[in-house]
Each structure stands twice: as C-alpha cells, then as structure tokens.
C-alpha atoms as a PDB file:
ATOM      1  CA  UNK A   1      98.225  72.987  95.164  1.00  0.00           C
ATOM      2  CA  UNK A   2      99.323  70.070  97.345  1.00  0.00           C
ATOM      3  CA  UNK A   3      99.049  72.298 100.424  1.00  0.00           C
ATOM      4  CA  UNK A   4      95.665  73.582  99.245  1.00  0.00           C
ATOM      5  CA  UNK A   5      94.152  70.117  98.796  1.00  0.00           C
ATOM      6  CA  UNK A   6      95.681  68.915 102.056  1.00  0.00           C
ATOM      7  CA  UNK A   7      94.003  71.889 103.757  1.00  0.00           C
ATOM      8  CA  UNK A   8      90.695  70.927 102.123  1.00  0.00           C
ATOM      9  CA  UNK A   9      90.990  67.391 103.521  1.00  0.00           C
ATOM     10  CA  UNK A  10      91.752  68.759 106.995  1.00  0.00           C
ATOM     11  CA  UNK A  11      88.812  71.164 106.743  1.00  0.00           C
ATOM     12  CA  UNK A  12      86.422  68.358 105.749  1.00  0.00           C
ATOM     13  CA  UNK A  13      87.622  66.023 108.506  1.00  0.00           C
ATOM     14  CA  UNK A  14      87.519  68.670 111.219  1.00  0.00           C
ATOM     15  CA  UNK A  15      84.120  69.869 110.007  1.00  0.00           C
ATOM     16  CA  UNK A  16      82.770  66.312 109.984  1.00  0.00           C
ATOM     17  CA  UNK A  17      84.088  65.667 113.502  1.00  0.00           C
ATOM     18  CA  UNK A  18      82.522  68.902 114.712  1.00  0.00           C
ATOM     19  CA  UNK A  19      79.143  68.109 113.146  1.00  0.00           C
ATOM     20  CA  UNK A  20      79.252  64.560 114.564  1.00  0.00           C
ATOM     21  CA  UNK A  21      80.001  65.891 118.058  1.00  0.00           C
ATOM     22  CA  UNK A  22      77.211  68.478 117.844  1.00  0.00           C
ATOM     23  CA  UNK A  23      74.673  65.881 116.764  1.00  0.00           C
ATOM     24  CA  UNK A  24      75.863  62.853 118.770  1.00  0.00           C
ATOM     25  CA  UNK A  25      76.350  64.670 122.040  1.00  0.00           C
ATOM     26  CA  UNK A  26      73.666  67.322 121.849  1.00  0.00           C
ATOM     27  CA  UNK A  27      71.466  67.931 124.858  1.00  0.00           C
ATOM     28  CA  UNK A  28      68.232  65.883 124.881  1.00  0.00           C
ATOM     29  CA  UNK A  29      65.026  66.436 126.846  1.00  0.00           C
ATOM     30  CA  UNK A  30      65.556  63.135 128.687  1.00  0.00           C
ATOM     31  CA  UNK A  31      69.021  64.117 129.892  1.00  0.00           C
ATOM     32  CA  UNK A  32      69.303  64.810 133.603  1.00  0.00           C
ATOM     33  CA  UNK A  33      72.197  66.354 135.439  1.00  0.00           C
ATOM     34  CA  UNK A  34      75.702  66.960 134.144  1.00  0.00           C
ATOM     35  CA  UNK A  35      77.064  64.509 131.525  1.00  0.00           C
ATOM     36  CA  UNK A  36      79.839  62.162 132.536  1.00  0.00           C
ATOM     37  CA  UNK A  37      83.163  63.986 132.526  1.00  0.00           C
ATOM     38  CA  UNK A  38      86.065  62.269 130.727  1.00  0.00           C
ATOM     39  CA  UNK A  39      89.647  63.497 131.216  1.00  0.00           C
ATOM     40  CA  UNK A  40      93.105  62.420 130.198  1.00  0.00           C
ATOM     41  CA  UNK A  41      92.405  60.026 127.338  1.00  0.00           C
ATOM     42  CA  UNK A  42      95.850  58.917 126.235  1.00  0.00           C
ATOM     43  CA  UNK A  43      94.533  57.825 122.833  1.00  0.00           C
ATOM     44  CA  UNK A  44      92.858  61.186 122.086  1.00  0.00           C
ATOM     45  CA  UNK A  45      95.896  63.146 123.297  1.00  0.00           C
ATOM     46  CA  UNK A  46      98.178  61.019 121.108  1.00  0.00           C
ATOM     47  CA  UNK A  47      95.948  61.479 118.060  1.00  0.00           C
ATOM     48  CA  UNK A  48      95.625  65.238 118.207  1.00  0.00           C
ATOM     49  CA  UNK A  49      99.325  65.638 118.931  1.00  0.00           C
ATOM     50  CA  UNK A  50     100.558  63.266 116.249  1.00  0.00           C
ATOM     51  CA  UNK A  51      98.259  64.298 113.395  1.00  0.00           C
ATOM     52  CA  UNK A  52      99.269  68.002 113.397  1.00  0.00           C
ATOM     53  CA  UNK A  53     102.948  67.027 113.455  1.00  0.00           C
ATOM     54  CA  UNK A  54     102.423  64.746 110.452  1.00  0.00           C
ATOM     55  CA  UNK A  55     100.506  67.487 108.591  1.00  0.00           C
ATOM     56  CA  UNK A  56     103.234  70.056 109.302  1.00  0.00           C
ATOM     57  CA  UNK A  57     105.889  67.680 107.972  1.00  0.00           C
ATOM     58  CA  UNK A  58     103.795  67.017 104.847  1.00  0.00           C
ATOM     59  CA  UNK A  59     103.559  70.769 104.227  1.00  0.00           C
ATOM     60  CA  UNK A  60     107.155  71.574 105.211  1.00  0.00           C
ATOM     61  CA  UNK A  61     108.863  69.171 102.783  1.00  0.00           C
ATOM     62  CA  UNK A  62     107.416  70.600  99.513  1.00  0.00           C
ATOM     63  CA  UNK A  63     107.591  74.144 100.945  1.00  0.00           C
ATOM     64  CA  UNK A  64     111.307  73.931 101.726  1.00  0.00           C
ATOM     65  CA  UNK A  65     111.919  72.302  98.342  1.00  0.00           C
ATOM     66  CA  UNK A  66     110.057  75.141  96.603  1.00  0.00           C
ATOM     67  CA  UNK A  67     112.005  77.776  98.559  1.00  0.00           C
ATOM     68  CA  UNK A  68     115.325  76.365  97.344  1.00  0.00           C
ATOM     69  CA  UNK A  69     114.029  76.049  93.786  1.00  0.00           C
ATOM     70  CA  UNK A  70     112.746  79.632  93.598  1.00  0.00           C
ATOM     71  CA  UNK A  71     115.168  81.618  95.769  1.00  0.00           C
ATOM     72  CA  UNK A  72     117.278  84.319  94.169  1.00  0.00           C
ATOM     73  CA  UNK A  73     120.159  82.235  92.862  1.00  0.00           C
ATOM     74  CA  UNK A  74     120.347  83.664  89.377  1.00  0.00           C
ATOM     75  CA  UNK A  75     122.395  86.196  87.468  1.00  0.00           C
ATOM     76  CA  UNK A  76     121.001  88.818  85.077  1.00  0.00           C
ATOM     77  CA  UNK A  77     121.575  88.302  81.379  1.00  0.00           C
ATOM     78  CA  UNK A  78     122.097  90.839  78.619  1.00  0.00           C
ATOM     79  CA  UNK A  79     118.407  90.656  77.741  1.00  0.00           C
ATOM     80  CA  UNK A  80     117.243  91.571  81.249  1.00  0.00           C
ATOM     81  CA  UNK A  81     116.252  95.027  82.460  1.00  0.00           C
ATOM     82  CA  UNK A  82     118.168  95.538  85.714  1.00  0.00           C
ATOM     83  CA  UNK A  83     116.886  97.983  88.344  1.00  0.00           C
ATOM     84  CA  UNK A  84     118.374  98.795  91.731  1.00  0.00           C
ATOM     85  CA  UNK A  85     115.472  99.318  94.135  1.00  0.00           C
ATOM     86  CA  UNK A  86     115.985 101.317  97.325  1.00  0.00           C
ATOM     87  CA  UNK A  87     113.207 101.534  99.886  1.00  0.00           C
ATOM     88  CA  UNK A  88     112.924 104.717 101.916  1.00  0.00           C
ATOM     89  CA  UNK A  89     110.478 105.950 104.520  1.00  0.00           C
ATOM     90  CA  UNK A  90     108.088 106.197 102.612  1.00  0.00           C
ATOM     91  CA  UNK A  91     108.873 106.095  98.915  1.00  0.00           C
ATOM     92  CA  UNK A  92     110.857 104.070  96.368  1.00  0.00           C
ATOM     93  CA  UNK A  93     113.992 104.884  94.405  1.00  0.00           C
ATOM     94  CA  UNK A  94     114.505 103.075  91.093  1.00  0.00           C
ATOM     95  CA  UNK A  95     117.899 103.175  89.369  1.00  0.00           C
ATOM     96  CA  UNK A  96     118.539 101.643  85.940  1.00  0.00           C
ATOM     97  CA  UNK A  97     122.357 101.283  86.087  1.00  0.00           C
ATOM     98  CA  UNK A  98     122.700 100.121  82.490  1.00  0.00           C
ATOM     99  CA  UNK A  99     120.675 103.082  81.209  1.00  0.00           C
ATOM    100  CA  UNK A 100     121.900 105.850  83.518  1.00  0.00           C
ATOM    101  CA  UNK A 101     118.364 106.563  84.770  1.00  0.00           C
ATOM    102  CA  UNK A 102     117.242 107.374  88.302  1.00  0.00           C
ATOM    103  CA  UNK A 103     113.564 107.854  89.061  1.00  0.00           C
ATOM    104  CA  UNK A 104     111.095 107.334  91.882  1.00  0.00           C
ATOM    105  CA  UNK A 105     107.891 105.411  92.601  1.00  0.00           C
ATOM    106  CA  UNK A 106     107.290 104.289  89.013  1.00  0.00           C
ATOM    107  CA  UNK A 107     108.938 101.342  87.273  1.00  0.00           C
ATOM    108  CA  UNK A 108     108.831 100.726  83.539  1.00  0.00           C
ATOM    109  CA  UNK A 109     110.011  97.747  81.556  1.00  0.00           C
ATOM    110  CA  UNK A 110     109.203  96.200  78.160  1.00  0.00           C
ATOM    111  CA  UNK A 111     106.874  93.226  77.877  1.00  0.00           C
ATOM    112  CA  UNK A 112     108.368  89.775  77.306  1.00  0.00           C
ATOM    113  CA  UNK A 113     111.646  90.771  78.958  1.00  0.00           C
ATOM    114  CA  UNK A 114     112.648  89.938  82.480  1.00  0.00           C
ATOM    115  CA  UNK A 115     112.818  92.735  85.043  1.00  0.00           C
ATOM    116  CA  UNK A 116     115.584  91.949  87.555  1.00  0.00           C
ATOM    117  CA  UNK A 117     115.357  93.885  90.820  1.00  0.00           C
ATOM    118  CA  UNK A 118     118.277  94.279  93.218  1.00  0.00           C
ATOM    119  CA  UNK A 119     116.556  95.426  96.399  1.00  0.00           C
ATOM    120  CA  UNK A 120     117.953  97.225  99.429  1.00  0.00           C
ATOM    121  CA  UNK A 121     116.722  99.551 102.165  1.00  0.00           C
ATOM    122  CA  UNK A 122     118.035 102.947 103.191  1.00  0.00           C
ATOM    123  CA  UNK A 123     116.552 102.765 106.675  1.00  0.00           C
ATOM    124  CA  UNK A 124     114.160 100.161 108.140  1.00  0.00           C
ATOM    125  CA  UNK A 125     112.718  96.902 106.815  1.00  0.00           C
ATOM    126  CA  UNK A 126     110.487  97.209 103.758  1.00  0.00           C
ATOM    127  CA  UNK A 127     108.920  94.615 101.464  1.00  0.00           C
ATOM    128  CA  UNK A 128     108.496  94.973  97.693  1.00  0.00           C
ATOM    129  CA  UNK A 129     105.239  93.501  96.384  1.00  0.00           C
ATOM    130  CA  UNK A 130     103.405  93.692  93.057  1.00  0.00           C
ATOM    131  CA  UNK A 131     100.580  91.166  93.594  1.00  0.00           C
ATOM    132  CA  UNK A 132      99.714  90.655  89.935  1.00  0.00           C
ATOM    133  CA  UNK A 133     103.319  90.126  88.842  1.00  0.00           C
ATOM    134  CA  UNK A 134     104.935  88.058  91.564  1.00  0.00           C
ATOM    135  CA  UNK A 135     105.654  87.418  95.202  1.00  0.00           C
ATOM    136  CA  UNK A 136     107.116  89.619  97.884  1.00  0.00           C
ATOM    137  CA  UNK A 137     110.746  90.164  98.735  1.00  0.00           C
ATOM    138  CA  UNK A 138     112.115  91.870 101.834  1.00  0.00           C
ATOM    139  CA  UNK A 139     114.357  94.921 101.677  1.00  0.00           C
ATOM    140  CA  UNK A 140     116.888  94.513 104.491  1.00  0.00           C
ATOM    141  CA  UNK A 141     119.650  97.102 105.042  1.00  0.00           C
ATOM    142  CA  UNK A 142     122.994  95.679 103.982  1.00  0.00           C
ATOM    143  CA  UNK A 143     121.538  92.456 102.546  1.00  0.00           C
ATOM    144  CA  UNK A 144     121.441  92.181  98.758  1.00  0.00           C
ATOM    145  CA  UNK A 145     118.194  90.446  97.858  1.00  0.00           C
ATOM    146  CA  UNK A 146     117.078  89.894  94.281  1.00  0.00           C
ATOM    147  CA  UNK A 147     113.736  89.332  92.587  1.00  0.00           C
ATOM    148  CA  UNK A 148     112.632  89.052  88.976  1.00  0.00           C
ATOM    149  CA  UNK A 149     109.288  89.871  87.353  1.00  0.00           C
ATOM    150  CA  UNK A 150     107.941  89.754  83.825  1.00  0.00           C
ATOM    151  CA  UNK A 151     104.730  90.335  81.908  1.00  0.00           C
ATOM    152  CA  UNK A 152     103.479  89.179  78.535  1.00  0.00           C
ATOM    153  CA  UNK A 153     100.874  91.926  78.319  1.00  0.00           C
ATOM    154  CA  UNK A 154     100.994  95.706  78.327  1.00  0.00           C
ATOM    155  CA  UNK A 155      99.510  97.088  81.490  1.00  0.00           C
ATOM    156  CA  UNK A 156      99.725  99.067  84.713  1.00  0.00           C
ATOM    157  CA  UNK A 157     100.277  97.162  87.959  1.00  0.00           C
ATOM    158  CA  UNK A 158      99.915  98.398  91.523  1.00  0.00           C
ATOM    159  CA  UNK A 159     102.666  97.807  94.061  1.00  0.00           C
ATOM    160  CA  UNK A 160     102.959  98.370  97.773  1.00  0.00           C
ATOM    161  CA  UNK A 161     105.292  98.025 100.725  1.00  0.00           C
ATOM    162  CA  UNK A 162     104.164  94.848 102.492  1.00  0.00           C
ATOM    163  CA  UNK A 163     106.242  95.317 105.656  1.00  0.00           C
ATOM    164  CA  UNK A 164     105.075  97.669 108.413  1.00  0.00           C
ATOM    165  CA  UNK A 165     107.683 100.444 108.293  1.00  0.00           C
ATOM    166  CA  UNK A 166     105.991 102.946 110.639  1.00  0.00           C
ATOM    167  CA  UNK A 167     104.684 106.414 109.798  1.00  0.00           C
ATOM    168  CA  UNK A 168     103.245 106.653 106.308  1.00  0.00           C
ATOM    169  CA  UNK A 169     103.618 102.917 105.578  1.00  0.00           C
ATOM    170  CA  UNK A 170     100.044 102.650 104.263  1.00  0.00           C
ATOM    171  CA  UNK A 171     100.912 105.285 101.639  1.00  0.00           C
ATOM    172  CA  UNK A 172     104.191 103.725 100.478  1.00  0.00           C
ATOM    173  CA  UNK A 173     102.926 102.710  97.074  1.00  0.00           C
ATOM    174  CA  UNK A 174     104.351 102.482  93.572  1.00  0.00           C
ATOM    175  CA  UNK A 175     103.326 101.608  90.024  1.00  0.00           C
ATOM    176  CA  UNK A 176     104.838  99.212  87.518  1.00  0.00           C
ATOM    177  CA  UNK A 177     104.191  99.779  83.815  1.00  0.00           C
ATOM    178  CA  UNK A 178     104.761  97.021  81.282  1.00  0.00           C
ATOM    179  CA  UNK A 179     105.253  98.889  77.995  1.00  0.00           C
ATOM    180  CA  UNK A 180     105.708  97.946  74.388  1.00  0.00           C
ATOM    181  CA  UNK A 181     109.413  97.891  73.476  1.00  0.00           C
ATOM    182  CA  UNK A 182     108.946 101.074  71.453  1.00  0.00           C
ATOM    183  CA  UNK A 183     107.301 102.983  74.309  1.00  0.00           C
ATOM    184  CA  UNK A 184     109.908 101.804  76.782  1.00  0.00           C
ATOM    185  CA  UNK A 185     112.772 102.880  74.511  1.00  0.00           C
ATOM    186  CA  UNK A 186     111.170 106.309  74.040  1.00  0.00           C
ATOM    187  CA  UNK A 187     110.694 106.694  77.801  1.00  0.00           C
ATOM    188  CA  UNK A 188     114.308 105.689  78.466  1.00  0.00           C
ATOM    189  CA  UNK A 189     115.570 108.112  75.822  1.00  0.00           C
ATOM    190  CA  UNK A 190     113.695 111.023  77.423  1.00  0.00           C
ATOM    191  CA  UNK A 191     115.255 110.318  80.821  1.00  0.00           C
ATOM    192  CA  UNK A 192     118.714 109.706  79.396  1.00  0.00           C
ATOM    193  CA  UNK A 193     118.708 113.035  77.588  1.00  0.00           C
ATOM    194  CA  UNK A 194     118.277 114.732  80.953  1.00  0.00           C
ATOM    195  CA  UNK A 195     120.445 112.510  83.159  1.00  0.00           C
ATOM    196  CA  UNK A 196     123.282 111.160  80.986  1.00  0.00           C
ATOM    197  CA  UNK A 197     125.787 113.998  80.345  1.00  0.00           C
ATOM    198  CA  UNK A 198     126.995 112.765  76.956  1.00  0.00           C
ATOM    199  CA  UNK A 199     123.408 112.507  75.728  1.00  0.00           C
ATOM    200  CA  UNK A 200     122.234 115.778  77.256  1.00  0.00           C
ATOM    201  CA  UNK A 201     124.258 117.734  74.687  1.00  0.00           C
ATOM    202  CA  UNK A 202     122.377 115.971  71.883  1.00  0.00           C
ATOM    203  CA  UNK A 203     118.929 116.635  73.373  1.00  0.00           C
ATOM    204  CA  UNK A 204     116.502 118.926  71.532  1.00  0.00           C
ATOM    205  CA  UNK A 205     116.481 122.523  72.624  1.00  0.00           C
ATOM    206  CA  UNK A 206     114.262 123.111  75.637  1.00  0.00           C
ATOM    207  CA  UNK A 207     110.969 124.829  74.817  1.00  0.00           C
ATOM    208  CA  UNK A 208     110.403 128.416  75.820  1.00  0.00           C
ATOM    209  CA  UNK A 209     109.029 128.545  79.334  1.00  0.00           C
ATOM    210  CA  UNK A 210     105.953 130.466  80.290  1.00  0.00           C
ATOM    211  CA  UNK A 211     106.206 133.181  82.937  1.00  0.00           C
ATOM    212  CA  UNK A 212     104.410 130.901  85.404  1.00  0.00           C
ATOM    213  CA  UNK A 213     106.946 128.095  84.857  1.00  0.00           C
ATOM    214  CA  UNK A 214     109.846 130.549  85.164  1.00  0.00           C
ATOM    215  CA  UNK A 215     108.394 131.830  88.425  1.00  0.00           C
ATOM    216  CA  UNK A 216     108.033 128.256  89.669  1.00  0.00           C
ATOM    217  CA  UNK A 217     111.646 127.471  88.762  1.00  0.00           C
ATOM    218  CA  UNK A 218     112.851 130.427  90.834  1.00  0.00           C
ATOM    219  CA  UNK A 219     110.603 129.460  93.750  1.00  0.00           C
ATOM    220  CA  UNK A 220     111.953 125.911  93.574  1.00  0.00           C
ATOM    221  CA  UNK A 221     115.274 127.352  94.775  1.00  0.00           C
ATOM    222  CA  UNK A 222     113.892 130.056  97.064  1.00  0.00           C
ATOM    223  CA  UNK A 223     111.711 127.647  99.002  1.00  0.00           C
ATOM    224  CA  UNK A 224     114.604 125.234  99.527  1.00  0.00           C
ATOM    225  CA  UNK A 225     113.316 122.412  97.317  1.00  0.00           C
ATOM    226  CA  UNK A 226     116.790 122.034  95.787  1.00  0.00           C
ATOM    227  CA  UNK A 227     118.190 121.058  99.186  1.00  0.00           C
ATOM    228  CA  UNK A 228     116.303 117.753  99.036  1.00  0.00           C
ATOM    229  CA  UNK A 229     115.297 117.040  95.442  1.00  0.00           C
ATOM    230  CA  UNK A 230     117.541 116.636  92.434  1.00  0.00           C
ATOM    231  CA  UNK A 231     116.609 117.967  89.005  1.00  0.00           C
ATOM    232  CA  UNK A 232     119.392 117.179  86.541  1.00  0.00           C
ATOM    233  CA  UNK A 233     120.752 120.299  84.882  1.00  0.00           C
ATOM    234  CA  UNK A 234     118.787 122.640  87.162  1.00  0.00           C
ATOM    235  CA  UNK A 235     119.856 126.316  86.861  1.00  0.00           C
ATOM    236  CA  UNK A 236     123.415 125.486  85.783  1.00  0.00           C
ATOM    237  CA  UNK A 237     124.146 122.584  83.488  1.00  0.00           C
ATOM    238  CA  UNK A 238     125.839 119.759  85.342  1.00  0.00           C
ATOM    239  CA  UNK A 239     124.984 121.046  88.805  1.00  0.00           C
ATOM    240  CA  UNK A 240     123.386 118.398  90.985  1.00  0.00           C
ATOM    241  CA  UNK A 241     120.877 119.426  93.597  1.00  0.00           C
ATOM    242  CA  UNK A 242     119.280 117.461  96.394  1.00  0.00           C
ATOM    243  CA  UNK A 243     120.356 114.146  97.892  1.00  0.00           C
ATOM    244  CA  UNK A 244     119.606 110.458  97.184  1.00  0.00           C
ATOM    245  CA  UNK A 245     117.518 110.363 100.367  1.00  0.00           C
ATOM    246  CA  UNK A 246     114.668 112.169  98.629  1.00  0.00           C
ATOM    247  CA  UNK A 247     112.927 111.523  95.286  1.00  0.00           C
ATOM    248  CA  UNK A 248     114.703 112.617  92.105  1.00  0.00           C
ATOM    249  CA  UNK A 249     112.346 114.985  90.274  1.00  0.00           C
ATOM    250  CA  UNK A 250     114.100 114.964  86.896  1.00  0.00           C
ATOM    251  CA  UNK A 251     111.394 114.550  84.230  1.00  0.00           C
ATOM    252  CA  UNK A 252     108.706 114.724  86.923  1.00  0.00           C
ATOM    253  CA  UNK A 253     106.245 115.834  84.238  1.00  0.00           C
ATOM    254  CA  UNK A 254     106.469 112.378  82.666  1.00  0.00           C
ATOM    255  CA  UNK A 255     105.214 110.610  85.764  1.00  0.00           C
ATOM    256  CA  UNK A 256     101.709 109.313  86.183  1.00  0.00           C
ATOM    257  CA  UNK A 257     101.508 109.728  89.956  1.00  0.00           C
ATOM    258  CA  UNK A 258     102.546 111.969  92.839  1.00  0.00           C
ATOM    259  CA  UNK A 259     103.298 111.334  96.549  1.00  0.00           C
ATOM    260  CA  UNK A 260     104.532 107.759  95.969  1.00  0.00           C
ATOM    261  CA  UNK A 261     101.578 106.792  93.774  1.00  0.00           C
ATOM    262  CA  UNK A 262      98.975 108.065  96.224  1.00  0.00           C
ATOM    263  CA  UNK A 263      97.360 110.346  93.615  1.00  0.00           C
ATOM    264  CA  UNK A 264      97.320 110.893  89.858  1.00  0.00           C
ATOM    265  CA  UNK A 265      99.850 113.499  88.729  1.00  0.00           C
ATOM    266  CA  UNK A 266      97.477 116.351  87.831  1.00  0.00           C
ATOM    267  CA  UNK A 267      97.869 120.110  88.450  1.00  0.00           C
ATOM    268  CA  UNK A 268      95.110 120.009  91.066  1.00  0.00           C
ATOM    269  CA  UNK A 269      96.536 117.034  92.962  1.00  0.00           C
ATOM    270  CA  UNK A 270     100.080 118.364  92.809  1.00  0.00           C
ATOM    271  CA  UNK A 271      98.930 121.738  94.155  1.00  0.00           C
ATOM    272  CA  UNK A 272      97.080 119.980  96.988  1.00  0.00           C
ATOM    273  CA  UNK A 273     100.225 118.000  97.801  1.00  0.00           C
ATOM    274  CA  UNK A 274     102.434 121.114  97.872  1.00  0.00           C
ATOM    275  CA  UNK A 275      99.843 122.993  99.916  1.00  0.00           C
ATOM    276  CA  UNK A 276      99.490 120.432 102.731  1.00  0.00           C
ATOM    277  CA  UNK A 277     101.541 117.225 102.381  1.00  0.00           C
ATOM    278  CA  UNK A 278     100.417 115.865 105.750  1.00  0.00           C
ATOM    279  CA  UNK A 279      96.756 116.016 104.729  1.00  0.00           C
ATOM    280  CA  UNK A 280      97.549 113.801 101.726  1.00  0.00           C
ATOM    281  CA  UNK A 281     100.107 111.463 103.289  1.00  0.00           C
ATOM    282  CA  UNK A 282     100.174 111.672 107.098  1.00  0.00           C
ATOM    283  CA  UNK A 283     103.580 111.080 108.672  1.00  0.00           C
ATOM    284  CA  UNK A 284     105.741 111.840 105.630  1.00  0.00           C
ATOM    285  CA  UNK A 285     108.840 114.049 105.752  1.00  0.00           C
ATOM    286  CA  UNK A 286     107.694 116.636 103.199  1.00  0.00           C
ATOM    287  CA  UNK A 287     107.444 120.045 104.938  1.00  0.00           C
ATOM    288  CA  UNK A 288     104.685 122.599 104.427  1.00  0.00           C
ATOM    289  CA  UNK A 289     106.485 125.477 102.713  1.00  0.00           C
ATOM    290  CA  UNK A 290     103.766 128.097 102.847  1.00  0.00           C
ATOM    291  CA  UNK A 291     102.062 129.579 105.899  1.00  0.00           C
ATOM    292  CA  UNK A 292      98.274 129.396 105.861  1.00  0.00           C
ATOM    293  CA  UNK A 293      98.034 133.195 105.929  1.00  0.00           C
ATOM    294  CA  UNK A 294     100.632 133.796 103.195  1.00  0.00           C
ATOM    295  CA  UNK A 295      98.887 136.086 100.673  1.00  0.00           C
ATOM    296  CA  UNK A 296     100.993 134.685  97.809  1.00  0.00           C
ATOM    297  CA  UNK A 297     100.425 131.065  98.788  1.00  0.00           C
ATOM    298  CA  UNK A 298      98.006 129.964  96.047  1.00  0.00           C
ATOM    299  CA  UNK A 299      99.832 131.823  93.279  1.00  0.00           C
ATOM    300  CA  UNK A 300     103.250 130.463  94.247  1.00  0.00           C
ATOM    301  CA  UNK A 301     102.003 126.908  94.678  1.00  0.00           C
ATOM    302  CA  UNK A 302     100.464 127.055  91.211  1.00  0.00           C
ATOM    303  CA  UNK A 303     103.784 128.305  89.824  1.00  0.00           C
ATOM    304  CA  UNK A 304     105.846 125.535  91.437  1.00  0.00           C
ATOM    305  CA  UNK A 305     103.312 122.946  90.281  1.00  0.00           C
ATOM    306  CA  UNK A 306     103.521 124.309  86.720  1.00  0.00           C
ATOM    307  CA  UNK A 307     107.319 124.110  86.830  1.00  0.00           C
ATOM    308  CA  UNK A 308     107.362 120.520  88.097  1.00  0.00           C
ATOM    309  CA  UNK A 309     104.812 119.414  85.519  1.00  0.00           C
ATOM    310  CA  UNK A 310     106.947 120.982  82.771  1.00  0.00           C
ATOM    311  CA  UNK A 311     109.981 118.822  83.601  1.00  0.00           C
ATOM    312  CA  UNK A 312     110.547 116.423  80.719  1.00  0.00           C
ATOM    313  CA  UNK A 313     107.696 117.802  78.611  1.00  0.00           C
ATOM    314  CA  UNK A 314     109.008 119.004  75.272  1.00  0.00           C
ATOM    315  CA  UNK A 315     105.957 121.060  74.394  1.00  0.00           C
ATOM    316  CA  UNK A 316     104.034 122.306  77.442  1.00  0.00           C
ATOM    317  CA  UNK A 317     101.316 123.851  75.284  1.00  0.00           C
ATOM    318  CA  UNK A 318     100.442 120.675  73.397  1.00  0.00           C
ATOM    319  CA  UNK A 319     101.402 118.236  76.145  1.00  0.00           C
ATOM    320  CA  UNK A 320     103.819 116.368  73.879  1.00  0.00           C
ATOM    321  CA  UNK A 321     106.831 114.724  75.420  1.00  0.00           C
ATOM    322  CA  UNK A 322     109.686 112.499  74.382  1.00  0.00           C
ATOM    323  CA  UNK A 323     108.754 109.499  76.486  1.00  0.00           C
ATOM    324  CA  UNK A 324     105.183 108.799  75.492  1.00  0.00           C
ATOM    325  CA  UNK A 325     105.211 109.926  71.900  1.00  0.00           C
ATOM    326  CA  UNK A 326     102.962 112.925  72.437  1.00  0.00           C
ATOM    327  CA  UNK A 327     100.519 111.409  74.920  1.00  0.00           C
ATOM    328  CA  UNK A 328     101.598 112.923  78.230  1.00  0.00           C
END
C-alpha cells in the first residue's frame, strides 16, 4: 500500500507538471518564430536525476524487507498438506508423499489447512501461480523452492504457468480444489486404494467392465499408451507402466479436466483430445495414434476414452465413485 500511494503521488505530480507545461507554454496566435531554446539546465538535470533515485530507495527498502519476511523459510507441520510439484513441458505432476498419491494437473486440499508446495522443474524454468490463492514461485531445476497456500472457503481455483516455457506454454494450466475435510479424505482414500499396495488389497472389488471399456483397456496397450502413462495395477497387479515424465492416469475418471486443464473431462472432449492432440494443445508431446483414414478410428477412440473415464469410478453405470461420494 505504501508503494501504491507513493505511485499515486508521483502520478499526480507528473500529471500536474504536464498540464502546467501544456497550458503555460502552449502556442499563442501572437507568437512569432521558434521559441527560445534552453539546454543544459544543471538544476533541472539534478532534480530529475535525484528524485527518481530517492523514489527507488523509498520503494526498495520496504520491498526488500517484505521479501525477507515472506520468503520460504518455514518447515511443514503435521497439520499441513505437503505436495511435491514438478513442472514439465507442458503439464504438472503433483505428489502427496505423506499419502502415497501421485496425480497430474489437479490439486486438492482441505479448507482451513495449509497447503505446502515443494516445487521443482523437470526441464526448463516454469512458474507456479494461482492468482486467487497467492503469489507466484519459480520452478528452477535443482533448486528446492517452497510456497504455501490456504483457503477458508470451498472452491475451485485456476492456476497457470507464469514463466514462458516455449511450445504449449499458454496451455500449461491446472486447477486447485479446496474441499471440505470429508470430501478431501474420500478423494485421498480413492487414490490410495489404487496406488498404495497395502491398501489396494482392501479396496472394493472392481465393477464388471463393459465390452467397450474392455476393448479400450486392450487398445491402451496396443497403441503404446502404457509406454508413457502409468495406471497403477494395469493388466497385472503391481506392474507399473509408463514413466514419471508423462502424466499418471491412475483414477483418471475422477479428474475434472483433460489436457492440463484445457478442457472439461467429458467423453466428447476426451475423444477430441485422443483424435487430434495438436488441434487442442499445439506444441505438446502427445502423438496422434490413429491415421485419418483408419476405418476403426472413431470406434477405437471411443473405446479408449470409455476405459480412461472408468478409471477410479466404482460404478460406471451410475457414475458413483469413491472420491466424490457418488457425484462424479
């Protein structure tokens, strides 16, 4: 606020000087020839050199003080939700180390608890920013930066990479959901039952899959999706697929968005994404897996989409799932 009001004073003074000059030295009908030219006024040069220096010092002192007061010199407590954030070109990996959860592009945490983010980058510089929840923090390879956020109201907040990272930078988005404690615990339980081995054995029996979902599961391997994307327990229990360099699709059906929060996670949008990723998110690394003239293209895309949307959903027919209490 000090900087704001100082800027207002500068604006008023500069504006007043400008108006005075326009009025005092305007051209008049009686004027003849070129006005007298004045150069090299030591007093004027001294004034407009000294004043900016003084203003910069006045701004710098409280700014530097605020930087030291708010920089990431804190340690998480037992009440905090800790998430390891990894920025990739062009998506986000979110790992909850205390909960055994790995997901992508969507963060969840309970209201009235602090969300502590340990941020890092897998490639180039990125910047994590949720405008409505807090400031930005840079993701620099090999440098452990830390940020904390919180919210006292349930809601959905939009996030974005605020550092030009080439390619699909404009589409490197994410969502943050502040949930009630009950909803957050249910969401965490659903992910843990798929990703934490000791809890997976206690999970409810998986629902019977439709023929379309079964076809999509087979195509997920045939088309090479398993080379990039992990789905915990896929095909053979305990077998890990994919690599950390690409989004983990475990419980993909519980997500609200697709393509790093570019679109809502609906069958139509997911099919469009699988059909032509570059049309949705130009510059991304997702390949087009079907030729335009493939006669089975539409059918197979629909099958893979159905399979992905079934991940984490306990009752595909009714849409019920463990995480959202039946409101998928």
